[in-house]
Amino acid sequence: MKRFLPLAFAVLKFVSGYFLISSAYDLQRDEYLYLNQGQHLVWGYLEVPPLIAAQGWLSLTLGGGFFWVKFWPFLWGAATLYLVMRLTQRLGGSWFATALAGTCYLGTAFARLNLLFQPNSFEVFGFVFCLYWLVRYFQEERPRFLYLLGLGLGLGLLNKYSTLFFIAALGGALLLTPWRRLLLNRHFWGAAGLGLLVWAPNLAWQIGHGIPFRHHMALLHDSQLVHVSALDFWRPQLLMCLTALWVWVPGLLALLLEPAFRPYRAVGWVAVLGVGLLFALHGKDYYALGYYPVLFSFGAWWWELRIKRFGRLDVQWKRFLQPVLVALPLLLMLPLLPFIYPLRVPAKMAALRPRYASLGFYRWEDGQNHDLPQDYADMRGWRELANQTWAAYQSLPDSARAHTLIHCANYGQASALNYFNSHRAIPTANSLNGSFLFWYPFQQLQQYQAILIIDDEFHPELASHFTQYRRFASITDPYAREQGTSVIIGLQPDAAVQAQILMEWQKGLAEWESGGR
């Protein structure tokens, strides 16, 4: 019966996700990429390790519809919630502490995080999975818990390389507590070996391709992380879990300071070191999300212990207080609901900007405020672009259609076109962006009689290299991040165009496979 409450919360979270996204929005930019990677299964990609692509492959195999794409983030979110609540029970929490930990998870940024098919949902699940088994080991010292921890770390590395920072924080936390004796435990090193074994295929892929992870980090730093100031990092640390601030802060302080929590002190240090390391490396604010859920468990337990100390208070008063505290994270979340679930149409979201822009909800990676939150803007315009590309392809001469290259400026465009046009007789969209470099048909460049160029710039200087060069259509959606992106038709490209594409392909692949050196 103890598992019923966590399981009920988890099922509710999983099912409700399908009703919390307005039909005004399609999939988000990155979701199309991971689905596209699912069509090219290998042990590594330039952007991410292979676990998300495996999920994408399964989703496509099962039809590729909305249900199966969203199945994975909803699953990992529900599994994380279950572990958070079970951890609370393992600490000794009653229904009150268990439910409070659950509503803290439901009423914070994880609600939005778990809506998107991205590696982030599994990353948070992986961190919680590892810390759950670490706590179990602290309680019972059974070797199998260490091996489960090692398995979690290995799977985490197959999902996202930020797990390396988590491992560094975990190692530092153990060294700062009496649990440093684990370094002399053969099962600890056996668990480390298991994690390395699970990660080994991807590690071998990275080494074989010149460790492109370094180039990926350099690109992130130059295009996005350079805009992250100290205030930009620390303010969201409060805002992302603001509705549960009164739970996770006492949980963290109790882990670090209170004698009753001393056996678990390493968990507190993992959070401190992990978030501190991300700040030092100018990481994005949401990279730190995985460190908070376990603090909900310890904070909820702390509140239960505090309420128990007031044993002489009226029982009826306690019966009133506990449900109020359980509901509080959800009640506090209500004003932020439009920024957690994309339920409002774009025009209504844009109307909220004057009131909420100061909180950073409308700030994009370029450091500027826009009409919609970036994720929402990245869910618009893709279907329009796919239809325009199909129409442009249909307008080509019959002799050119069989020899047409679709060339996109970025992975979002190419991935979305391949998703929405998968049922149409149209060539695969390509790009020189990211992992699309591996799939680019460079050996067939001389055969193409037409190129459909998808770009937000017209590039008039290219006109002289085609017998015909014209803009066919552009994305008109004012709320789309890709607004203004055009479908350009170029007929009979000359040798200079072919040489330019080949040079950019060779240069791009060399940059990635040399680690950006």
Protein backbone atom coordinates (compact mmCIF):
# COMPACT_ATOMS: atom_id res chain seq x y z
CA MET A 1 0.00 0.00 0.00
CA LYS A 2 2.91 2.39 0.59
CA ARG A 3 3.62 2.41 -3.12
CA PHE A 4 0.05 3.33 -4.05
CA LEU A 5 0.40 7.07 -3.41
CA PRO A 6 3.63 7.51 -5.48
CA LEU A 7 2.19 5.33 -8.24
CA ALA A 8 -1.08 7.29 -8.31
CA PHE A 9 0.82 10.58 -8.59
CA ALA A 10 3.02 9.14 -11.35
CA VAL A 11 0.09 7.86 -13.40
CA LEU A 12 -1.71 11.19 -13.03
CA LYS A 13 1.37 13.06 -14.23
CA PHE A 14 1.84 10.78 -17.24
CA VAL A 15 -1.77 10.90 -18.41
CA SER A 16 -2.34 14.61 -17.79
CA GLY A 17 0.57 15.59 -20.04
CA TYR A 18 -1.47 14.76 -23.13
CA PHE A 19 -4.10 17.36 -22.21
CA LEU A 20 -1.78 20.24 -21.34
CA ILE A 21 -0.54 21.30 -24.80
CA SER A 22 -2.69 23.49 -27.04
CA SER A 23 -3.22 22.37 -30.62
CA ALA A 24 -1.88 25.81 -31.61
CA TYR A 25 1.60 24.37 -31.11
CA ASP A 26 3.46 21.61 -32.94
CA LEU A 27 6.57 19.80 -31.77
CA GLN A 28 9.53 21.87 -30.65
CA ARG A 29 12.61 22.38 -32.88
CA ASP A 30 14.87 19.92 -31.03
CA GLU A 31 12.21 17.22 -30.96
CA TYR A 32 12.34 16.98 -34.75
CA LEU A 33 16.13 16.59 -34.60
CA TYR A 34 16.00 13.65 -32.20
CA LEU A 35 13.35 11.96 -34.32
CA ASN A 36 15.55 12.46 -37.36
CA GLN A 37 18.50 10.95 -35.50
CA GLY A 38 16.26 7.95 -34.85
CA GLN A 39 16.42 7.27 -38.58
CA HIS A 40 20.22 7.05 -38.43
CA LEU A 41 21.00 4.84 -35.42
CA VAL A 42 24.67 4.90 -34.43
CA TRP A 43 26.54 5.08 -31.11
CA GLY A 44 26.95 8.84 -31.17
CA TYR A 45 25.95 12.14 -32.72
CA LEU A 46 27.59 15.52 -32.84
CA GLU A 47 25.01 17.06 -30.51
CA VAL A 48 24.15 14.30 -28.02
CA PRO A 49 24.85 10.68 -27.08
CA PRO A 50 22.61 8.00 -28.65
CA LEU A 51 19.94 7.27 -26.02
CA ILE A 52 17.51 9.95 -27.23
CA ALA A 53 17.88 8.72 -30.82
CA ALA A 54 16.95 5.18 -29.74
CA GLN A 55 13.77 6.57 -28.21
CA GLY A 56 13.14 8.51 -31.41
CA TRP A 57 13.53 5.32 -33.45
CA LEU A 58 10.96 3.55 -31.27
CA SER A 59 8.54 6.48 -31.60
CA LEU A 60 8.86 6.44 -35.39
CA THR A 61 8.50 2.67 -35.50
CA LEU A 62 5.24 3.02 -33.60
CA GLY A 63 3.93 5.61 -36.04
CA GLY A 64 5.71 8.81 -35.04
CA GLY A 65 2.51 10.50 -33.87
CA PHE A 66 2.13 12.98 -31.03
CA PHE A 67 1.35 10.23 -28.50
CA TRP A 68 4.57 8.30 -29.13
CA VAL A 69 6.80 11.35 -29.39
CA LYS A 70 5.57 12.68 -26.05
CA PHE A 71 5.51 9.22 -24.46
CA TRP A 72 9.17 9.49 -23.43
CA PRO A 73 9.25 12.81 -21.58
CA PHE A 74 5.96 11.93 -19.90
CA LEU A 75 7.38 8.53 -18.90
CA TRP A 76 10.63 9.91 -17.47
CA GLY A 77 8.77 12.68 -15.67
CA ALA A 78 6.38 10.20 -14.09
CA ALA A 79 9.26 7.88 -13.14
CA THR A 80 11.16 10.77 -11.55
CA LEU A 81 8.10 11.78 -9.54
CA TYR A 82 7.69 8.19 -8.36
CA LEU A 83 11.31 8.00 -7.18
CA VAL A 84 11.10 11.35 -5.39
CA MET A 85 8.07 10.18 -3.44
CA ARG A 86 9.51 6.72 -2.74
CA LEU A 87 12.71 8.34 -1.49
CA THR A 88 10.62 10.38 0.95
CA GLN A 89 9.05 7.18 2.20
CA ARG A 90 12.47 5.53 2.52
CA LEU A 91 13.53 8.40 4.76
CA GLY A 92 10.58 7.69 7.02
CA GLY A 93 8.05 10.15 5.65
CA SER A 94 4.33 9.55 6.09
CA TRP A 95 1.61 10.33 3.55
CA PHE A 96 2.06 14.03 4.30
CA ALA A 97 5.77 14.24 3.49
CA THR A 98 5.36 11.89 0.52
CA ALA A 99 2.56 13.95 -1.01
CA LEU A 100 4.38 17.22 -0.28
CA ALA A 101 7.48 16.02 -2.13
CA GLY A 102 5.21 15.03 -5.03
CA THR A 103 3.42 18.36 -5.31
CA CYS A 104 6.77 20.16 -5.13
CA TYR A 105 7.82 18.26 -8.25
CA LEU A 106 4.48 18.83 -9.97
CA GLY A 107 4.41 22.53 -9.14
CA THR A 108 7.88 23.55 -10.31
CA ALA A 109 9.82 23.83 -13.59
CA PHE A 110 9.80 20.05 -14.07
CA ALA A 111 6.21 20.37 -15.24
CA ARG A 112 7.43 22.24 -18.31
CA LEU A 113 10.65 20.28 -18.70
CA ASN A 114 8.75 17.01 -18.96
CA LEU A 115 6.62 18.26 -21.85
CA LEU A 116 9.44 18.18 -24.40
CA PHE A 117 11.06 15.19 -26.08
CA GLN A 118 14.61 16.15 -25.19
CA PRO A 119 17.45 14.52 -23.21
CA ASN A 120 16.68 16.78 -20.22
CA SER A 121 13.83 14.67 -18.86
CA PHE A 122 15.97 11.53 -18.72
CA GLU A 123 18.86 13.57 -17.32
CA VAL A 124 16.77 14.60 -14.31
CA PHE A 125 15.47 11.05 -13.94
CA GLY A 126 19.03 9.72 -14.11
CA PHE A 127 20.30 12.07 -11.39
CA VAL A 128 17.39 11.17 -9.10
CA PHE A 129 17.84 7.46 -9.89
CA CYS A 130 21.51 7.63 -8.90
CA LEU A 131 20.90 9.58 -5.70
CA TYR A 132 18.01 7.31 -4.75
CA TRP A 133 20.28 4.27 -4.81
CA LEU A 134 23.05 6.20 -3.07
CA VAL A 135 20.67 6.94 -0.20
CA ARG A 136 19.60 3.30 -0.13
CA TYR A 137 23.26 2.34 0.15
CA PHE A 138 23.77 4.81 3.00
CA GLN A 139 20.88 3.12 4.78
CA GLU A 140 21.72 -0.54 4.24
CA GLU A 141 25.20 -0.71 2.62
CA ARG A 142 24.18 -3.42 0.17
CA PRO A 143 26.59 -3.73 -2.78
CA ARG A 144 23.78 -4.07 -5.32
CA PHE A 145 22.74 -0.49 -4.62
CA LEU A 146 26.19 0.67 -5.74
CA TYR A 147 25.87 -1.29 -8.97
CA LEU A 148 22.48 0.29 -9.62
CA LEU A 149 24.14 3.66 -9.06
CA GLY A 150 26.83 2.70 -11.58
CA LEU A 151 24.19 1.61 -14.09
CA GLY A 152 22.44 4.94 -13.67
CA LEU A 153 25.66 6.84 -14.33
CA GLY A 154 26.37 4.79 -17.45
CA LEU A 155 22.89 5.36 -18.86
CA GLY A 156 23.18 9.03 -17.94
CA LEU A 157 26.34 9.31 -20.02
CA LEU A 158 24.53 7.65 -22.94
CA ASN A 159 21.92 10.39 -22.60
CA LYS A 160 23.81 13.62 -21.95
CA TYR A 161 27.43 14.52 -21.27
CA SER A 162 26.46 16.82 -18.40
CA THR A 163 26.45 13.59 -16.37
CA LEU A 164 30.23 14.06 -16.24
CA PHE A 165 29.69 17.15 -14.07
CA PHE A 166 27.31 15.16 -11.88
CA ILE A 167 29.98 12.48 -11.47
CA ALA A 168 32.52 15.15 -10.50
CA ALA A 169 30.09 16.56 -7.93
CA LEU A 170 29.38 13.07 -6.59
CA GLY A 171 33.08 12.32 -6.20
CA GLY A 172 33.70 15.62 -4.43
CA ALA A 173 30.73 15.04 -2.11
CA LEU A 174 32.01 11.63 -1.05
CA LEU A 175 35.47 13.07 -0.33
CA LEU A 176 33.93 15.75 1.91
CA THR A 177 32.11 13.22 4.11
CA PRO A 178 33.00 10.02 5.98
CA TRP A 179 31.67 8.13 2.99
CA ARG A 180 35.08 8.69 1.43
CA ARG A 181 35.76 5.18 2.69
CA LEU A 182 33.85 4.01 -0.37
CA LEU A 183 37.02 4.68 -2.33
CA LEU A 184 38.44 1.57 -0.65
CA ASN A 185 35.38 -0.55 -1.47
CA ARG A 186 35.82 -2.99 -4.34
CA HIS A 187 32.12 -2.83 -5.12
CA PHE A 188 32.39 0.93 -5.55
CA TRP A 189 35.00 0.43 -8.25
CA GLY A 190 33.00 -2.44 -9.69
CA ALA A 191 30.04 -0.09 -10.01
CA ALA A 192 32.30 2.51 -11.64
CA GLY A 193 33.44 -0.15 -14.08
CA LEU A 194 29.84 -1.06 -14.88
CA GLY A 195 29.06 2.58 -15.64
CA LEU A 196 32.12 2.83 -17.87
CA LEU A 197 31.17 -0.39 -19.66
CA VAL A 198 27.67 0.93 -20.40
CA TRP A 199 29.11 4.20 -21.72
CA ALA A 200 31.99 2.53 -23.62
CA PRO A 201 30.37 2.34 -27.11
CA ASN A 202 29.64 6.05 -27.12
CA LEU A 203 33.03 6.87 -25.64
CA ALA A 204 34.66 4.85 -28.43
CA TRP A 205 32.54 6.77 -30.97
CA GLN A 206 33.67 10.10 -29.48
CA ILE A 207 37.33 9.11 -29.62
CA GLY A 208 36.96 7.73 -33.14
CA HIS A 209 35.50 11.04 -34.34
CA GLY A 210 38.04 13.32 -32.70
CA ILE A 211 35.93 14.05 -29.56
CA PRO A 212 33.38 16.39 -31.19
CA PHE A 213 31.97 17.06 -27.71
CA ARG A 214 34.68 19.72 -27.33
CA HIS A 215 33.52 21.54 -30.44
CA HIS A 216 29.90 21.31 -29.32
CA MET A 217 30.80 22.96 -26.01
CA ALA A 218 32.74 25.68 -27.85
CA LEU A 219 29.75 26.40 -30.07
CA LEU A 220 27.44 26.54 -27.06
CA HIS A 221 29.77 28.94 -25.31
CA ASP A 222 30.13 31.28 -28.27
CA SER A 223 26.46 31.33 -29.32
CA GLN A 224 24.57 30.92 -26.04
CA LEU A 225 26.57 30.59 -22.84
CA VAL A 226 28.41 33.86 -23.49
CA HIS A 227 25.10 35.60 -22.76
CA VAL A 228 24.78 33.94 -19.31
CA SER A 229 25.73 36.35 -16.51
CA ALA A 230 25.87 35.54 -12.81
CA LEU A 231 22.42 37.09 -12.36
CA ASP A 232 21.07 35.17 -15.35
CA PHE A 233 22.20 31.94 -13.71
CA TRP A 234 21.30 32.47 -10.05
CA ARG A 235 17.95 34.21 -10.45
CA PRO A 236 16.43 31.24 -12.32
CA GLN A 237 17.74 28.93 -9.59
CA LEU A 238 15.18 30.61 -7.36
CA LEU A 239 12.49 31.02 -10.01
CA MET A 240 12.55 27.48 -11.46
CA CYS A 241 11.57 25.94 -8.13
CA LEU A 242 10.15 29.10 -6.53
CA THR A 243 6.88 27.50 -5.45
CA ALA A 244 8.84 24.89 -3.47
CA LEU A 245 11.53 27.25 -2.18
CA TRP A 246 10.21 26.83 1.37
CA VAL A 247 10.75 23.06 1.03
CA TRP A 248 14.01 22.56 -0.83
CA VAL A 249 15.99 25.27 1.00
CA PRO A 250 15.29 23.72 4.45
CA GLY A 251 16.03 20.33 2.91
CA LEU A 252 19.44 21.48 1.69
CA LEU A 253 20.31 23.26 4.95
CA ALA A 254 19.24 20.23 6.97
CA LEU A 255 21.46 17.97 4.86
CA LEU A 256 24.45 20.22 5.42
CA LEU A 257 23.90 21.21 9.06
CA GLU A 258 21.48 19.07 11.07
CA PRO A 259 22.73 16.00 12.99
CA ALA A 260 19.67 13.90 12.12
CA PHE A 261 20.50 14.28 8.42
CA ARG A 262 24.23 13.62 8.80
CA PRO A 263 24.17 10.11 7.24
CA TYR A 264 22.94 11.70 4.00
CA ARG A 265 25.16 14.78 4.01
CA ALA A 266 26.90 13.74 0.81
CA VAL A 267 23.60 14.23 -1.04
CA GLY A 268 23.58 17.87 0.01
CA TRP A 269 27.14 18.33 -1.14
CA VAL A 270 26.30 16.80 -4.52
CA ALA A 271 23.74 19.57 -5.03
CA VAL A 272 26.07 22.33 -3.84
CA LEU A 273 29.04 21.16 -5.90
CA GLY A 274 26.99 20.30 -8.96
CA VAL A 275 25.25 23.67 -9.18
CA GLY A 276 28.47 25.49 -8.27
CA LEU A 277 30.37 23.71 -11.03
CA LEU A 278 27.75 24.66 -13.61
CA PHE A 279 27.93 28.28 -12.50
CA ALA A 280 31.72 28.28 -12.76
CA LEU A 281 31.50 26.88 -16.30
CA HIS A 282 28.81 29.39 -17.37
CA GLY A 283 26.23 26.66 -17.87
CA LYS A 284 22.60 27.41 -18.68
CA ASP A 285 20.36 27.81 -15.68
CA TYR A 286 18.21 24.74 -16.42
CA TYR A 287 21.27 22.48 -16.49
CA ALA A 288 21.01 22.52 -12.68
CA LEU A 289 17.44 21.24 -12.49
CA GLY A 290 18.44 17.63 -11.85
CA TYR A 291 19.90 18.51 -8.45
CA TYR A 292 16.64 19.76 -6.90
CA PRO A 293 14.15 16.85 -6.81
CA VAL A 294 15.95 14.95 -4.04
CA LEU A 295 15.94 18.17 -2.01
CA PHE A 296 12.14 18.07 -2.19
CA SER A 297 12.28 14.66 -0.50
CA PHE A 298 14.56 15.80 2.28
CA GLY A 299 12.74 19.10 2.68
CA ALA A 300 9.36 17.37 2.95
CA TRP A 301 10.81 15.03 5.58
CA TRP A 302 12.20 18.05 7.45
CA TRP A 303 8.74 19.64 7.54
CA GLU A 304 7.20 16.44 8.85
CA LEU A 305 9.75 16.23 11.64
CA ARG A 306 9.08 19.86 12.56
CA ILE A 307 5.33 19.38 12.71
CA LYS A 308 5.76 16.27 14.86
CA ARG A 309 7.66 18.36 17.41
CA PHE A 310 4.48 20.31 18.05
CA GLY A 311 2.84 17.22 19.45
CA ARG A 312 0.86 19.14 22.06
CA LEU A 313 -0.96 21.19 19.44
CA ASP A 314 -4.54 20.40 18.59
CA VAL A 315 -4.88 17.37 16.30
CA GLN A 316 -7.53 19.12 14.23
CA TRP A 317 -5.13 21.99 13.58
CA LYS A 318 -2.55 19.55 12.25
CA ARG A 319 -5.12 17.88 10.04
CA PHE A 320 -5.87 21.27 8.52
CA LEU A 321 -2.23 22.39 8.16
CA GLN A 322 -0.89 19.32 6.39
CA PRO A 323 -3.28 19.36 3.39
CA VAL A 324 -2.72 23.11 3.01
CA LEU A 325 1.04 22.63 2.86
CA VAL A 326 0.67 19.78 0.37
CA ALA A 327 -1.46 21.95 -1.92
CA LEU A 328 0.68 25.08 -1.53
CA PRO A 329 3.20 24.39 -4.36
CA LEU A 330 0.35 23.85 -6.81
CA LEU A 331 -1.53 26.95 -5.63
CA LEU A 332 1.59 29.08 -5.92
CA MET A 333 2.15 27.75 -9.44
CA LEU A 334 -1.19 29.05 -10.76
CA PRO A 335 0.06 32.56 -11.73
CA LEU A 336 2.91 30.94 -13.69
CA LEU A 337 0.73 28.34 -15.39
CA PRO A 338 0.89 29.94 -18.89
CA PHE A 339 4.69 29.60 -18.86
CA ILE A 340 4.67 26.01 -17.72
CA TYR A 341 2.03 24.55 -20.00
CA PRO A 342 1.49 25.90 -23.57
CA LEU A 343 -2.26 26.11 -23.15
CA ARG A 344 -2.78 29.70 -24.36
CA VAL A 345 -2.69 30.60 -28.03
CA PRO A 346 0.26 32.78 -29.13
CA ALA A 347 -1.67 36.07 -29.18
CA LYS A 348 -2.72 35.65 -25.55
CA MET A 349 0.81 34.66 -24.57
CA ALA A 350 2.21 37.75 -26.28
CA ALA A 351 -0.29 39.90 -24.36
CA LEU A 352 1.21 38.72 -21.08
CA ARG A 353 4.71 39.92 -21.98
CA PRO A 354 4.50 43.39 -20.32
CA ARG A 355 3.69 41.78 -16.97
CA TYR A 356 6.16 38.90 -17.04
CA ALA A 357 9.09 39.99 -19.20
CA SER A 358 11.08 41.14 -16.16
CA LEU A 359 11.12 37.55 -14.90
CA GLY A 360 13.01 36.38 -17.98
CA PHE A 361 10.26 34.21 -19.44
CA TYR A 362 10.44 35.98 -22.80
CA ARG A 363 14.23 36.16 -23.04
CA TRP A 364 15.76 33.97 -25.75
CA GLU A 365 19.26 32.62 -26.14
CA ASP A 366 20.24 35.85 -27.91
CA GLY A 367 19.68 37.71 -24.65
CA GLN A 368 16.68 39.67 -26.04
CA ASN A 369 12.97 39.60 -25.14
CA HIS A 370 10.48 38.43 -27.79
CA ASP A 371 6.72 37.99 -28.14
CA LEU A 372 6.72 34.35 -26.99
CA PRO A 373 8.93 32.25 -24.75
CA GLN A 374 11.58 30.66 -26.95
CA ASP A 375 10.30 27.10 -26.61
CA TYR A 376 6.82 28.23 -27.65
CA ALA A 377 8.16 30.12 -30.67
CA ASP A 378 10.10 26.99 -31.61
CA MET A 379 6.78 25.11 -31.81
CA ARG A 380 5.41 27.35 -34.57
CA GLY A 381 5.86 27.62 -38.33
CA TRP A 382 7.20 24.15 -39.10
CA ARG A 383 4.07 22.75 -40.70
CA GLU A 384 3.78 25.91 -42.83
CA LEU A 385 7.39 25.51 -43.95
CA ALA A 386 6.85 21.85 -44.87
CA ASN A 387 3.77 22.68 -46.95
CA GLN A 388 5.61 25.49 -48.72
CA THR A 389 8.53 23.20 -49.52
CA TRP A 390 6.19 20.56 -50.88
CA ALA A 391 4.46 23.15 -53.04
CA ALA A 392 7.81 24.43 -54.32
CA TYR A 393 8.86 20.89 -55.17
CA GLN A 394 5.59 20.29 -57.02
CA SER A 395 6.20 23.45 -59.07
CA LEU A 396 9.50 22.14 -60.46
CA PRO A 397 9.72 20.73 -64.00
CA ASP A 398 9.10 16.99 -64.07
CA SER A 399 12.64 16.35 -65.30
CA ALA A 400 14.15 18.17 -62.30
CA ARG A 401 12.15 16.59 -59.48
CA ALA A 402 14.07 13.32 -59.54
CA HIS A 403 17.31 15.30 -59.24
CA THR A 404 16.43 17.84 -56.54
CA LEU A 405 18.48 18.68 -53.45
CA ILE A 406 16.72 20.20 -50.44
CA HIS A 407 19.33 22.24 -48.59
CA CYS A 408 18.44 23.76 -45.18
CA ALA A 409 20.35 26.32 -43.17
CA ASN A 410 19.85 24.54 -39.84
CA TYR A 411 18.91 21.22 -38.29
CA GLY A 412 15.48 22.42 -37.14
CA GLN A 413 14.38 23.17 -40.69
CA ALA A 414 15.71 19.92 -42.12
CA SER A 415 14.34 17.77 -39.29
CA ALA A 416 10.87 19.36 -39.39
CA LEU A 417 10.65 18.97 -43.17
CA ASN A 418 11.54 15.30 -42.92
CA TYR A 419 8.92 14.81 -40.21
CA PHE A 420 6.00 16.60 -41.87
CA ASN A 421 6.82 15.48 -45.42
CA SER A 422 7.51 11.85 -44.54
CA HIS A 423 4.22 10.77 -46.17
CA ARG A 424 4.97 12.67 -49.39
CA ALA A 425 7.07 11.66 -52.39
CA ILE A 426 9.73 14.28 -51.87
CA PRO A 427 13.51 13.99 -51.36
CA THR A 428 14.96 14.02 -47.86
CA ALA A 429 15.89 17.45 -46.52
CA ASN A 430 19.58 17.99 -45.78
CA SER A 431 21.74 20.47 -43.93
CA LEU A 432 25.37 21.21 -43.12
CA ASN A 433 24.40 21.82 -39.50
CA GLY A 434 25.42 19.35 -36.78
CA SER A 435 24.92 15.63 -37.32
CA PHE A 436 23.33 16.27 -40.72
CA LEU A 437 26.92 16.54 -41.94
CA PHE A 438 27.11 12.74 -41.75
CA TRP A 439 24.01 12.28 -43.89
CA TYR A 440 24.63 14.94 -46.55
CA PRO A 441 24.58 13.46 -50.10
CA PHE A 442 27.81 15.18 -51.17
CA GLN A 443 28.70 12.39 -53.62
CA GLN A 444 25.65 13.22 -55.73
CA LEU A 445 26.15 16.99 -56.01
CA GLN A 446 26.87 16.91 -59.74
CA GLN A 447 23.59 15.12 -60.46
CA TYR A 448 21.27 17.79 -59.05
CA GLN A 449 19.32 19.90 -61.50
CA ALA A 450 17.43 21.87 -58.86
CA ILE A 451 18.11 23.01 -55.30
CA LEU A 452 15.42 24.06 -52.86
CA ILE A 453 17.21 26.33 -50.39
CA ILE A 454 15.60 26.84 -46.97
CA ASP A 455 17.15 29.89 -45.34
CA ASP A 456 16.26 33.10 -43.51
CA GLU A 457 18.44 35.05 -45.99
CA PHE A 458 17.90 35.30 -49.74
CA HIS A 459 21.60 35.44 -50.76
CA PRO A 460 21.15 37.39 -54.05
CA GLU A 461 24.82 36.79 -54.88
CA LEU A 462 23.90 33.19 -55.72
CA ALA A 463 21.55 34.16 -58.54
CA SER A 464 24.30 34.25 -61.16
CA HIS A 465 25.10 30.59 -60.46
CA PHE A 466 21.63 29.33 -61.46
CA THR A 467 19.62 29.60 -64.64
CA GLN A 468 16.69 30.57 -62.43
CA TYR A 469 16.83 31.75 -58.81
CA ARG A 470 13.75 33.03 -56.98
CA ARG A 471 11.99 33.12 -53.63
CA PHE A 472 8.96 30.84 -53.74
CA ALA A 473 7.44 31.50 -50.29
CA SER A 474 8.28 32.50 -46.73
CA ILE A 475 7.01 31.66 -43.26
CA THR A 476 4.42 34.29 -42.40
CA ASP A 477 3.60 33.18 -38.85
CA PRO A 478 4.49 36.27 -36.75
CA TYR A 479 5.05 34.15 -33.63
CA ALA A 480 7.38 31.58 -35.17
CA ARG A 481 11.05 31.79 -34.36
CA GLU A 482 11.61 30.97 -38.03
CA GLN A 483 9.40 33.84 -39.25
CA GLY A 484 10.73 35.07 -42.60
CA THR A 485 12.54 31.84 -43.42
CA SER A 486 12.14 31.35 -47.17
CA VAL A 487 11.89 28.52 -49.64
CA ILE A 488 14.14 29.48 -52.55
CA ILE A 489 14.15 27.68 -55.90
CA GLY A 490 17.42 27.43 -57.81
CA LEU A 491 17.51 25.64 -61.16
CA GLN A 492 20.56 24.23 -62.93
CA PRO A 493 23.27 25.05 -60.35
CA ASP A 494 26.72 25.53 -61.83
CA ALA A 495 29.97 23.93 -60.72
CA ALA A 496 30.73 26.83 -58.36
CA VAL A 497 27.65 26.04 -56.26
CA GLN A 498 28.60 22.38 -56.09
CA ALA A 499 32.17 23.27 -55.12
CA GLN A 500 30.97 25.69 -52.43
CA ILE A 501 28.68 23.09 -50.85
CA LEU A 502 31.45 20.48 -50.92
CA MET A 503 33.94 22.90 -49.33
CA GLU A 504 31.50 23.85 -46.54
CA TRP A 505 30.75 20.18 -45.90
CA GLN A 506 34.44 19.29 -45.64
CA LYS A 507 35.16 22.31 -43.44
CA GLY A 508 32.22 21.60 -41.12
CA LEU A 509 33.11 17.95 -40.66
CA ALA A 510 36.77 18.82 -40.07
CA GLU A 511 35.85 21.34 -37.36
CA TRP A 512 33.69 18.83 -35.51
CA GLU A 513 36.04 15.89 -35.82
CA SER A 514 39.05 17.92 -34.74
CA GLY A 515 37.20 18.99 -31.60
CA GLY A 516 37.12 22.59 -32.84
CA ARG A 517 40.89 23.01 -32.80
